[in-house]
Amino acid sequence: MIKIETGRREFDEFYPKIKSFLEKDTLDLVIDGRKIRGYRSPDSRAIWIRDHSDMFRGFRYFETDLKSAVEHFAETQAANGRIFDYFTAFPEKLPCEKENWNKYVRVPVEADVEFRFVKAVYLAWQTTGDDEWLERMIPHLEKALAYITTHPWRWESSLGLVKRPYTIDTWDFAYTAGRHEWLQFQIDDDTFWGIMHGDNSGYYEAFEIMSRFCEYFGNALQAEEWKKRALELKRKMNEICWNGRFYTHFVKLTPVEIPGVD
């Protein structure tokens, strides 16, 4: 149990307050007879790798099950390396949907999923120190990053950067300029493409993490290669996204104008 005593209420109550928030955000599932625990956003009864990975930085200080959710994302990885966004065993679209079957979803327009998977593995290993477990996870990480840097929906080879459809943020629907009647989660001939700095900074960190893993296990050549890839990605991202004052949120590859938005 972590206890902080400074004599100042805002600091002394910080950890227990954050812990109490996070403890209300757990989701326990049983899939194939195996218990899985993950952390979720309060508005979604599902384990998203995005939420789980971000919240990991807090719950790792008190949670005892740090591997089951990460392992399940690894076990359900596609042959091409793609990682699911989320999985659940609860009905989502109430009251219409009532089926409590297992559901696995990848939102096509999202490009940040694989780096969040890498970060979750890193945080789990950093907290547990389980080297054997990490060695089992590394092939999954390599496949995930190979997918991102080769698939034509994810990688802009002319720039050497990760791309995505024109989404408002890392969120799951794309701008369509009125060409789609509702939220657009798919990629099609009308997709507006661009470079989002948040994706590429995430993969910069993921490449750095892979370099650390390789160095830790004594693979100096691979560590150096991942380091070079990280630095090259950062260099290209700075060339494209840095405007001299801040990172442009989304650099358009497909010309598009949104009325009323600069």
C-alpha atoms as a PDB file:
ATOM      1  CA  MET A   1       0.000   0.000   0.000  1.00  0.00           C
ATOM      2  CA  ILE A   2       1.467   3.335  -1.071  1.00  0.00           C
ATOM      3  CA  LYS A   3       1.123   6.117   1.457  1.00  0.00           C
ATOM      4  CA  ILE A   4       2.187   9.716   0.935  1.00  0.00           C
ATOM      5  CA  GLU A   5       2.513  12.145   3.833  1.00  0.00           C
ATOM      6  CA  THR A   6       3.479  15.723   3.060  1.00  0.00           C
ATOM      7  CA  GLY A   7       1.188  17.701   5.329  1.00  0.00           C
ATOM      8  CA  ARG A   8      -0.593  19.040   2.260  1.00  0.00           C
ATOM      9  CA  ARG A   9      -4.008  17.580   1.583  1.00  0.00           C
ATOM     10  CA  GLU A  10      -3.845  17.818  -2.211  1.00  0.00           C
ATOM     11  CA  PHE A  11      -0.745  15.608  -2.250  1.00  0.00           C
ATOM     12  CA  ASP A  12      -1.638  13.277   0.627  1.00  0.00           C
ATOM     13  CA  GLU A  13      -5.015  12.437  -0.927  1.00  0.00           C
ATOM     14  CA  PHE A  14      -3.797  12.210  -4.508  1.00  0.00           C
ATOM     15  CA  TYR A  15      -2.867   8.512  -4.622  1.00  0.00           C
ATOM     16  CA  PRO A  16      -5.904   7.139  -2.729  1.00  0.00           C
ATOM     17  CA  LYS A  17      -8.199   9.322  -4.833  1.00  0.00           C
ATOM     18  CA  ILE A  18      -6.731   8.117  -8.132  1.00  0.00           C
ATOM     19  CA  LYS A  19      -6.763   4.523  -6.855  1.00  0.00           C
ATOM     20  CA  SER A  20     -10.444   4.816  -5.935  1.00  0.00           C
ATOM     21  CA  PHE A  21     -11.238   6.116  -9.429  1.00  0.00           C
ATOM     22  CA  LEU A  22      -9.367   3.306 -11.167  1.00  0.00           C
ATOM     23  CA  GLU A  23     -10.790   0.557  -8.967  1.00  0.00           C
ATOM     24  CA  LYS A  24     -14.250   1.455 -10.277  1.00  0.00           C
ATOM     25  CA  ASP A  25     -13.078   0.916 -13.857  1.00  0.00           C
ATOM     26  CA  THR A  26     -12.215  -2.783 -13.853  1.00  0.00           C
ATOM     27  CA  LEU A  27     -13.862  -5.341 -16.103  1.00  0.00           C
ATOM     28  CA  ASP A  28     -13.603  -9.069 -15.430  1.00  0.00           C
ATOM     29  CA  LEU A  29     -14.332 -11.576 -18.188  1.00  0.00           C
ATOM     30  CA  VAL A  30     -14.040 -15.331 -18.602  1.00  0.00           C
ATOM     31  CA  ILE A  31     -13.081 -16.376 -22.130  1.00  0.00           C
ATOM     32  CA  ASP A  32     -12.242 -19.986 -22.997  1.00  0.00           C
ATOM     33  CA  GLY A  33     -12.383 -20.749 -19.287  1.00  0.00           C
ATOM     34  CA  ARG A  34      -9.694 -18.225 -18.458  1.00  0.00           C
ATOM     35  CA  LYS A  35     -10.156 -15.176 -16.252  1.00  0.00           C
ATOM     36  CA  ILE A  36      -9.209 -11.850 -17.829  1.00  0.00           C
ATOM     37  CA  ARG A  37      -9.101  -8.532 -16.026  1.00  0.00           C
ATOM     38  CA  GLY A  38      -8.809  -5.192 -17.785  1.00  0.00           C
ATOM     39  CA  TYR A  39      -9.399  -1.509 -17.182  1.00  0.00           C
ATOM     40  CA  ARG A  40     -11.970   0.408 -19.151  1.00  0.00           C
ATOM     41  CA  SER A  41     -13.551   3.754 -19.806  1.00  0.00           C
ATOM     42  CA  PRO A  42     -16.759   4.126 -17.745  1.00  0.00           C
ATOM     43  CA  ASP A  43     -18.822   4.579 -20.918  1.00  0.00           C
ATOM     44  CA  SER A  44     -17.786   1.267 -22.489  1.00  0.00           C
ATOM     45  CA  ARG A  45     -18.251  -2.211 -21.019  1.00  0.00           C
ATOM     46  CA  ALA A  46     -15.326  -3.558 -22.985  1.00  0.00           C
ATOM     47  CA  ILE A  47     -11.558  -3.816 -22.657  1.00  0.00           C
ATOM     48  CA  TRP A  48      -9.991  -1.411 -25.147  1.00  0.00           C
ATOM     49  CA  ILE A  49      -6.206  -1.630 -25.536  1.00  0.00           C
ATOM     50  CA  ARG A  50      -6.161   2.184 -25.703  1.00  0.00           C
ATOM     51  CA  ASP A  51      -7.820   2.684 -22.321  1.00  0.00           C
ATOM     52  CA  HIS A  52      -6.059  -0.269 -20.713  1.00  0.00           C
ATOM     53  CA  SER A  53      -2.622   0.869 -21.861  1.00  0.00           C
ATOM     54  CA  ASP A  54      -3.106   4.478 -20.747  1.00  0.00           C
ATOM     55  CA  MET A  55      -4.619   3.520 -17.377  1.00  0.00           C
ATOM     56  CA  PHE A  56      -1.815   1.003 -16.837  1.00  0.00           C
ATOM     57  CA  ARG A  57       0.436   3.824 -15.662  1.00  0.00           C
ATOM     58  CA  GLY A  58      -1.819   4.221 -12.633  1.00  0.00           C
ATOM     59  CA  PHE A  59      -3.205   0.789 -11.786  1.00  0.00           C
ATOM     60  CA  ARG A  60       0.156  -0.967 -11.930  1.00  0.00           C
ATOM     61  CA  TYR A  61       0.886   0.346  -8.439  1.00  0.00           C
ATOM     62  CA  PHE A  62      -1.868  -1.750  -6.848  1.00  0.00           C
ATOM     63  CA  GLU A  63      -3.302  -4.244  -9.378  1.00  0.00           C
ATOM     64  CA  THR A  64      -2.081  -7.844  -9.117  1.00  0.00           C
ATOM     65  CA  ASP A  65      -3.269  -9.087 -12.528  1.00  0.00           C
ATOM     66  CA  LEU A  66      -1.098  -7.169 -14.964  1.00  0.00           C
ATOM     67  CA  LYS A  67      -0.833  -9.732 -17.745  1.00  0.00           C
ATOM     68  CA  SER A  68      -4.142 -11.409 -18.591  1.00  0.00           C
ATOM     69  CA  ALA A  69      -5.626  -8.632 -20.745  1.00  0.00           C
ATOM     70  CA  VAL A  70      -2.346  -7.943 -22.546  1.00  0.00           C
ATOM     71  CA  GLU A  71      -1.884 -11.653 -23.194  1.00  0.00           C
ATOM     72  CA  HIS A  72      -5.387 -11.909 -24.650  1.00  0.00           C
ATOM     73  CA  PHE A  73      -4.674  -9.120 -27.127  1.00  0.00           C
ATOM     74  CA  ALA A  74      -1.510 -11.019 -28.104  1.00  0.00           C
ATOM     75  CA  GLU A  75      -3.311 -14.368 -28.389  1.00  0.00           C
ATOM     76  CA  THR A  76      -5.994 -12.909 -30.672  1.00  0.00           C
ATOM     77  CA  GLN A  77      -3.533 -11.064 -32.916  1.00  0.00           C
ATOM     78  CA  ALA A  78      -4.192 -11.506 -36.640  1.00  0.00           C
ATOM     79  CA  ALA A  79      -1.730 -13.396 -38.829  1.00  0.00           C
ATOM     80  CA  ASN A  80      -0.664 -10.110 -40.444  1.00  0.00           C
ATOM     81  CA  GLY A  81       0.121  -8.572 -37.035  1.00  0.00           C
ATOM     82  CA  ARG A  82      -3.012  -6.474 -36.554  1.00  0.00           C
ATOM     83  CA  ILE A  83      -4.240  -6.065 -32.973  1.00  0.00           C
ATOM     84  CA  PHE A  84      -7.893  -5.768 -31.996  1.00  0.00           C
ATOM     85  CA  ASP A  85      -9.097  -2.465 -30.561  1.00  0.00           C
ATOM     86  CA  TYR A  86     -11.226  -4.144 -27.937  1.00  0.00           C
ATOM     87  CA  PHE A  87     -13.059  -7.251 -26.825  1.00  0.00           C
ATOM     88  CA  THR A  88     -16.126  -7.790 -24.667  1.00  0.00           C
ATOM     89  CA  ALA A  89     -18.677 -10.390 -23.616  1.00  0.00           C
ATOM     90  CA  PHE A  90     -21.485  -7.948 -22.878  1.00  0.00           C
ATOM     91  CA  PRO A  91     -24.237  -6.505 -25.103  1.00  0.00           C
ATOM     92  CA  GLU A  92     -23.205  -3.057 -26.320  1.00  0.00           C
ATOM     93  CA  LYS A  93     -26.111  -1.496 -28.205  1.00  0.00           C
ATOM     94  CA  LEU A  94     -28.834  -1.689 -25.604  1.00  0.00           C
ATOM     95  CA  PRO A  95     -31.747  -2.249 -25.764  1.00  0.00           C
ATOM     96  CA  CYS A  96     -31.483  -3.628 -29.312  1.00  0.00           C
ATOM     97  CA  GLU A  97     -28.497  -5.887 -28.799  1.00  0.00           C
ATOM     98  CA  LYS A  98     -29.006  -8.509 -26.106  1.00  0.00           C
ATOM     99  CA  GLU A  99     -26.519 -11.190 -27.115  1.00  0.00           C
ATOM    100  CA  ASN A 100     -23.713 -11.778 -24.619  1.00  0.00           C
ATOM    101  CA  TRP A 101     -21.381 -13.481 -27.033  1.00  0.00           C
ATOM    102  CA  ASN A 102     -17.660 -12.751 -27.202  1.00  0.00           C
ATOM    103  CA  LYS A 103     -17.008  -9.861 -29.543  1.00  0.00           C
ATOM    104  CA  TYR A 104     -13.718  -8.648 -31.004  1.00  0.00           C
ATOM    105  CA  VAL A 105     -13.483  -5.346 -32.885  1.00  0.00           C
ATOM    106  CA  ARG A 106     -10.853  -3.490 -34.884  1.00  0.00           C
ATOM    107  CA  VAL A 107     -11.894  -0.044 -36.042  1.00  0.00           C
ATOM    108  CA  PRO A 108     -10.343   0.298 -39.525  1.00  0.00           C
ATOM    109  CA  VAL A 109      -9.677   4.054 -39.377  1.00  0.00           C
ATOM    110  CA  GLU A 110      -7.520   3.849 -36.231  1.00  0.00           C
ATOM    111  CA  ALA A 111      -3.735   3.613 -36.529  1.00  0.00           C
ATOM    112  CA  ASP A 112      -2.599   3.958 -32.903  1.00  0.00           C
ATOM    113  CA  VAL A 113      -3.615   0.510 -31.660  1.00  0.00           C
ATOM    114  CA  GLU A 114      -0.328  -1.330 -32.157  1.00  0.00           C
ATOM    115  CA  PHE A 115       1.862   1.182 -30.342  1.00  0.00           C
ATOM    116  CA  ARG A 116      -0.494   1.049 -27.372  1.00  0.00           C
ATOM    117  CA  PHE A 117      -0.100  -2.720 -27.337  1.00  0.00           C
ATOM    118  CA  VAL A 118       3.686  -2.319 -27.212  1.00  0.00           C
ATOM    119  CA  LYS A 119       3.393   0.179 -24.362  1.00  0.00           C
ATOM    120  CA  ALA A 120       1.106  -2.133 -22.368  1.00  0.00           C
ATOM    121  CA  VAL A 121       3.594  -4.996 -22.674  1.00  0.00           C
ATOM    122  CA  TYR A 122       6.402  -2.673 -21.602  1.00  0.00           C
ATOM    123  CA  LEU A 123       4.550  -1.449 -18.515  1.00  0.00           C
ATOM    124  CA  ALA A 124       3.567  -4.994 -17.528  1.00  0.00           C
ATOM    125  CA  TRP A 125       7.158  -6.171 -17.794  1.00  0.00           C
ATOM    126  CA  GLN A 126       8.568  -3.073 -16.090  1.00  0.00           C
ATOM    127  CA  THR A 127       6.246  -3.667 -13.133  1.00  0.00           C
ATOM    128  CA  THR A 128       6.559  -7.450 -12.818  1.00  0.00           C
ATOM    129  CA  GLY A 129      10.123  -8.003 -13.999  1.00  0.00           C
ATOM    130  CA  ASP A 130       9.006 -11.229 -15.702  1.00  0.00           C
ATOM    131  CA  ASP A 131      11.672 -11.742 -18.367  1.00  0.00           C
ATOM    132  CA  GLU A 132      10.355 -15.102 -19.592  1.00  0.00           C
ATOM    133  CA  TRP A 133       6.924 -13.585 -20.166  1.00  0.00           C
ATOM    134  CA  LEU A 134       8.454 -10.676 -22.076  1.00  0.00           C
ATOM    135  CA  GLU A 135      10.402 -13.035 -24.334  1.00  0.00           C
ATOM    136  CA  ARG A 136       7.106 -14.719 -25.238  1.00  0.00           C
ATOM    137  CA  MET A 137       5.539 -11.352 -26.029  1.00  0.00           C
ATOM    138  CA  ILE A 138       8.329  -9.944 -28.215  1.00  0.00           C
ATOM    139  CA  PRO A 139       7.359 -11.887 -31.388  1.00  0.00           C
ATOM    140  CA  HIS A 140       3.864 -10.403 -31.081  1.00  0.00           C
ATOM    141  CA  LEU A 141       5.338  -6.917 -30.778  1.00  0.00           C
ATOM    142  CA  GLU A 142       7.534  -7.441 -33.829  1.00  0.00           C
ATOM    143  CA  LYS A 143       4.539  -8.628 -35.870  1.00  0.00           C
ATOM    144  CA  ALA A 144       2.426  -5.668 -34.736  1.00  0.00           C
ATOM    145  CA  LEU A 145       5.075  -3.138 -35.753  1.00  0.00           C
ATOM    146  CA  ALA A 146       5.749  -4.937 -39.038  1.00  0.00           C
ATOM    147  CA  TYR A 147       2.032  -4.623 -39.818  1.00  0.00           C
ATOM    148  CA  ILE A 148       2.026  -0.891 -39.113  1.00  0.00           C
ATOM    149  CA  THR A 149       5.120  -0.218 -41.219  1.00  0.00           C
ATOM    150  CA  THR A 150       4.090  -2.287 -44.258  1.00  0.00           C
ATOM    151  CA  HIS A 151       0.302  -2.296 -44.602  1.00  0.00           C
ATOM    152  CA  PRO A 152      -0.905   0.260 -47.196  1.00  0.00           C
ATOM    153  CA  TRP A 153      -3.697   1.424 -44.861  1.00  0.00           C
ATOM    154  CA  ARG A 154      -1.169   2.261 -42.139  1.00  0.00           C
ATOM    155  CA  TRP A 155       2.106   3.264 -43.760  1.00  0.00           C
ATOM    156  CA  GLU A 156       2.829   6.106 -46.182  1.00  0.00           C
ATOM    157  CA  SER A 157       5.923   4.719 -47.879  1.00  0.00           C
ATOM    158  CA  SER A 158       6.674   7.951 -49.769  1.00  0.00           C
ATOM    159  CA  LEU A 159       7.153   9.760 -46.438  1.00  0.00           C
ATOM    160  CA  GLY A 160       8.192   6.918 -44.157  1.00  0.00           C
ATOM    161  CA  LEU A 161       5.440   7.786 -41.677  1.00  0.00           C
ATOM    162  CA  VAL A 162       2.304   6.232 -40.226  1.00  0.00           C
ATOM    163  CA  LYS A 163      -0.887   7.546 -41.820  1.00  0.00           C
ATOM    164  CA  ARG A 164      -4.580   7.404 -41.012  1.00  0.00           C
ATOM    165  CA  PRO A 165      -7.943   8.660 -42.276  1.00  0.00           C
ATOM    166  CA  TYR A 166      -9.012  12.161 -41.205  1.00  0.00           C
ATOM    167  CA  THR A 167     -10.281  11.527 -37.673  1.00  0.00           C
ATOM    168  CA  ILE A 168     -10.965  14.172 -35.047  1.00  0.00           C
ATOM    169  CA  ASP A 169      -8.226  12.728 -32.805  1.00  0.00           C
ATOM    170  CA  THR A 170      -7.245   9.119 -32.108  1.00  0.00           C
ATOM    171  CA  TRP A 171     -10.989   8.449 -32.129  1.00  0.00           C
ATOM    172  CA  ASP A 172     -12.802   5.895 -34.199  1.00  0.00           C
ATOM    173  CA  PHE A 173     -14.645   7.719 -36.970  1.00  0.00           C
ATOM    174  CA  ALA A 174     -13.490   9.729 -39.952  1.00  0.00           C
ATOM    175  CA  TYR A 175     -14.580  12.984 -41.562  1.00  0.00           C
ATOM    176  CA  THR A 176     -16.407  12.346 -44.848  1.00  0.00           C
ATOM    177  CA  ALA A 177     -17.504  15.797 -46.080  1.00  0.00           C
ATOM    178  CA  GLY A 178     -21.070  14.505 -46.170  1.00  0.00           C
ATOM    179  CA  ARG A 179     -20.268  11.506 -48.354  1.00  0.00           C
ATOM    180  CA  HIS A 180     -21.403   9.027 -45.714  1.00  0.00           C
ATOM    181  CA  GLU A 181     -24.796   9.098 -44.036  1.00  0.00           C
ATOM    182  CA  TRP A 182     -23.531   8.376 -40.510  1.00  0.00           C
ATOM    183  CA  LEU A 183     -20.247   7.931 -38.664  1.00  0.00           C
ATOM    184  CA  GLN A 184     -17.655   6.428 -40.979  1.00  0.00           C
ATOM    185  CA  PHE A 185     -15.447   3.732 -39.448  1.00  0.00           C
ATOM    186  CA  GLN A 186     -14.390   2.130 -42.735  1.00  0.00           C
ATOM    187  CA  ILE A 187     -11.743   2.977 -45.297  1.00  0.00           C
ATOM    188  CA  ASP A 188     -12.982   3.428 -48.859  1.00  0.00           C
ATOM    189  CA  ASP A 189     -12.295   5.312 -52.084  1.00  0.00           C
ATOM    190  CA  ASP A 190     -13.495   8.574 -50.495  1.00  0.00           C
ATOM    191  CA  THR A 191     -11.171   8.415 -47.468  1.00  0.00           C
ATOM    192  CA  PHE A 192      -9.244  11.602 -46.714  1.00  0.00           C
ATOM    193  CA  TRP A 193      -5.717  10.549 -45.728  1.00  0.00           C
ATOM    194  CA  GLY A 194      -3.147  12.336 -43.627  1.00  0.00           C
ATOM    195  CA  ILE A 195      -0.346  12.176 -41.086  1.00  0.00           C
ATOM    196  CA  MET A 196      -1.306  12.528 -37.429  1.00  0.00           C
ATOM    197  CA  HIS A 197       1.607  13.456 -35.173  1.00  0.00           C
ATOM    198  CA  GLY A 198       0.157  11.497 -32.232  1.00  0.00           C
ATOM    199  CA  ASP A 199       0.376   8.213 -34.126  1.00  0.00           C
ATOM    200  CA  ASN A 200       3.970   8.784 -35.120  1.00  0.00           C
ATOM    201  CA  SER A 201       5.155   9.976 -31.723  1.00  0.00           C
ATOM    202  CA  GLY A 202       3.568   6.826 -30.296  1.00  0.00           C
ATOM    203  CA  TYR A 203       5.471   4.624 -32.724  1.00  0.00           C
ATOM    204  CA  TYR A 204       8.659   6.551 -32.019  1.00  0.00           C
ATOM    205  CA  GLU A 205       8.274   5.499 -28.382  1.00  0.00           C
ATOM    206  CA  ALA A 206       7.379   1.938 -29.436  1.00  0.00           C
ATOM    207  CA  PHE A 207      10.573   1.677 -31.513  1.00  0.00           C
ATOM    208  CA  GLU A 208      12.563   3.017 -28.554  1.00  0.00           C
ATOM    209  CA  ILE A 209      10.959   0.399 -26.313  1.00  0.00           C
ATOM    210  CA  MET A 210      11.901  -2.352 -28.758  1.00  0.00           C
ATOM    211  CA  SER A 211      15.475  -1.056 -28.736  1.00  0.00           C
ATOM    212  CA  ARG A 212      15.540  -1.272 -24.940  1.00  0.00           C
ATOM    213  CA  PHE A 213      14.156  -4.804 -25.010  1.00  0.00           C
ATOM    214  CA  CYS A 214      16.805  -5.952 -27.486  1.00  0.00           C
ATOM    215  CA  GLU A 215      19.584  -4.308 -25.523  1.00  0.00           C
ATOM    216  CA  TYR A 216      18.325  -5.884 -22.301  1.00  0.00           C
ATOM    217  CA  PHE A 217      18.459  -9.357 -23.835  1.00  0.00           C
ATOM    218  CA  GLY A 218      21.908  -8.763 -25.322  1.00  0.00           C
ATOM    219  CA  ASN A 219      20.866  -8.247 -28.963  1.00  0.00           C
ATOM    220  CA  ALA A 220      23.056  -5.226 -29.664  1.00  0.00           C
ATOM    221  CA  LEU A 221      22.590  -5.201 -33.448  1.00  0.00           C
ATOM    222  CA  GLN A 222      18.807  -5.348 -33.220  1.00  0.00           C
ATOM    223  CA  ALA A 223      18.834  -2.710 -30.490  1.00  0.00           C
ATOM    224  CA  GLU A 224      20.802  -0.381 -32.743  1.00  0.00           C
ATOM    225  CA  GLU A 225      18.478  -1.047 -35.675  1.00  0.00           C
ATOM    226  CA  TRP A 226      15.371  -0.175 -33.647  1.00  0.00           C
ATOM    227  CA  LYS A 227      17.132   2.932 -32.347  1.00  0.00           C
ATOM    228  CA  LYS A 228      17.911   4.048 -35.900  1.00  0.00           C
ATOM    229  CA  ARG A 229      14.317   3.437 -36.944  1.00  0.00           C
ATOM    230  CA  ALA A 230      13.073   5.506 -34.008  1.00  0.00           C
ATOM    231  CA  LEU A 231      15.364   8.428 -34.820  1.00  0.00           C
ATOM    232  CA  GLU A 232      14.474   8.310 -38.513  1.00  0.00           C
ATOM    233  CA  LEU A 233      10.758   8.310 -37.726  1.00  0.00           C
ATOM    234  CA  LYS A 234      11.235  11.289 -35.416  1.00  0.00           C
ATOM    235  CA  ARG A 235      13.248  13.152 -38.047  1.00  0.00           C
ATOM    236  CA  LYS A 236      10.611  12.641 -40.716  1.00  0.00           C
ATOM    237  CA  MET A 237       7.783  13.491 -38.335  1.00  0.00           C
ATOM    238  CA  ASN A 238       9.493  16.751 -37.412  1.00  0.00           C
ATOM    239  CA  GLU A 239       9.965  17.600 -41.086  1.00  0.00           C
ATOM    240  CA  ILE A 240       6.302  17.035 -41.903  1.00  0.00           C
ATOM    241  CA  CYS A 241       4.409  17.912 -38.718  1.00  0.00           C
ATOM    242  CA  TRP A 242       6.441  20.613 -36.943  1.00  0.00           C
ATOM    243  CA  ASN A 243       5.400  24.057 -38.188  1.00  0.00           C
ATOM    244  CA  GLY A 244       7.975  26.047 -36.228  1.00  0.00           C
ATOM    245  CA  ARG A 245       5.763  26.631 -33.196  1.00  0.00           C
ATOM    246  CA  PHE A 246       3.915  23.375 -32.555  1.00  0.00           C
ATOM    247  CA  TYR A 247       3.062  20.039 -34.143  1.00  0.00           C
ATOM    248  CA  THR A 248       0.300  20.339 -36.710  1.00  0.00           C
ATOM    249  CA  HIS A 249      -2.379  17.952 -35.529  1.00  0.00           C
ATOM    250  CA  PHE A 250      -3.169  16.438 -38.923  1.00  0.00           C
ATOM    251  CA  VAL A 251      -1.149  17.030 -42.081  1.00  0.00           C
ATOM    252  CA  LYS A 252      -3.449  16.354 -45.020  1.00  0.00           C
ATOM    253  CA  LEU A 253      -2.335  14.062 -47.799  1.00  0.00           C
ATOM    254  CA  THR A 254      -5.747  14.205 -49.480  1.00  0.00           C
ATOM    255  CA  PRO A 255      -6.924  17.786 -50.109  1.00  0.00           C
ATOM    256  CA  VAL A 256     -10.043  18.617 -48.094  1.00  0.00           C
ATOM    257  CA  GLU A 257     -11.577  21.803 -46.719  1.00  0.00           C
ATOM    258  CA  ILE A 258     -13.900  21.918 -43.717  1.00  0.00           C
ATOM    259  CA  PRO A 259     -16.092  25.037 -43.702  1.00  0.00           C
ATOM    260  CA  GLY A 260     -15.528  27.125 -40.578  1.00  0.00           C
ATOM    261  CA  VAL A 261     -12.384  25.258 -39.494  1.00  0.00           C
ATOM    262  CA  ASP A 262      -8.882  26.629 -40.078  1.00  0.00           C
END
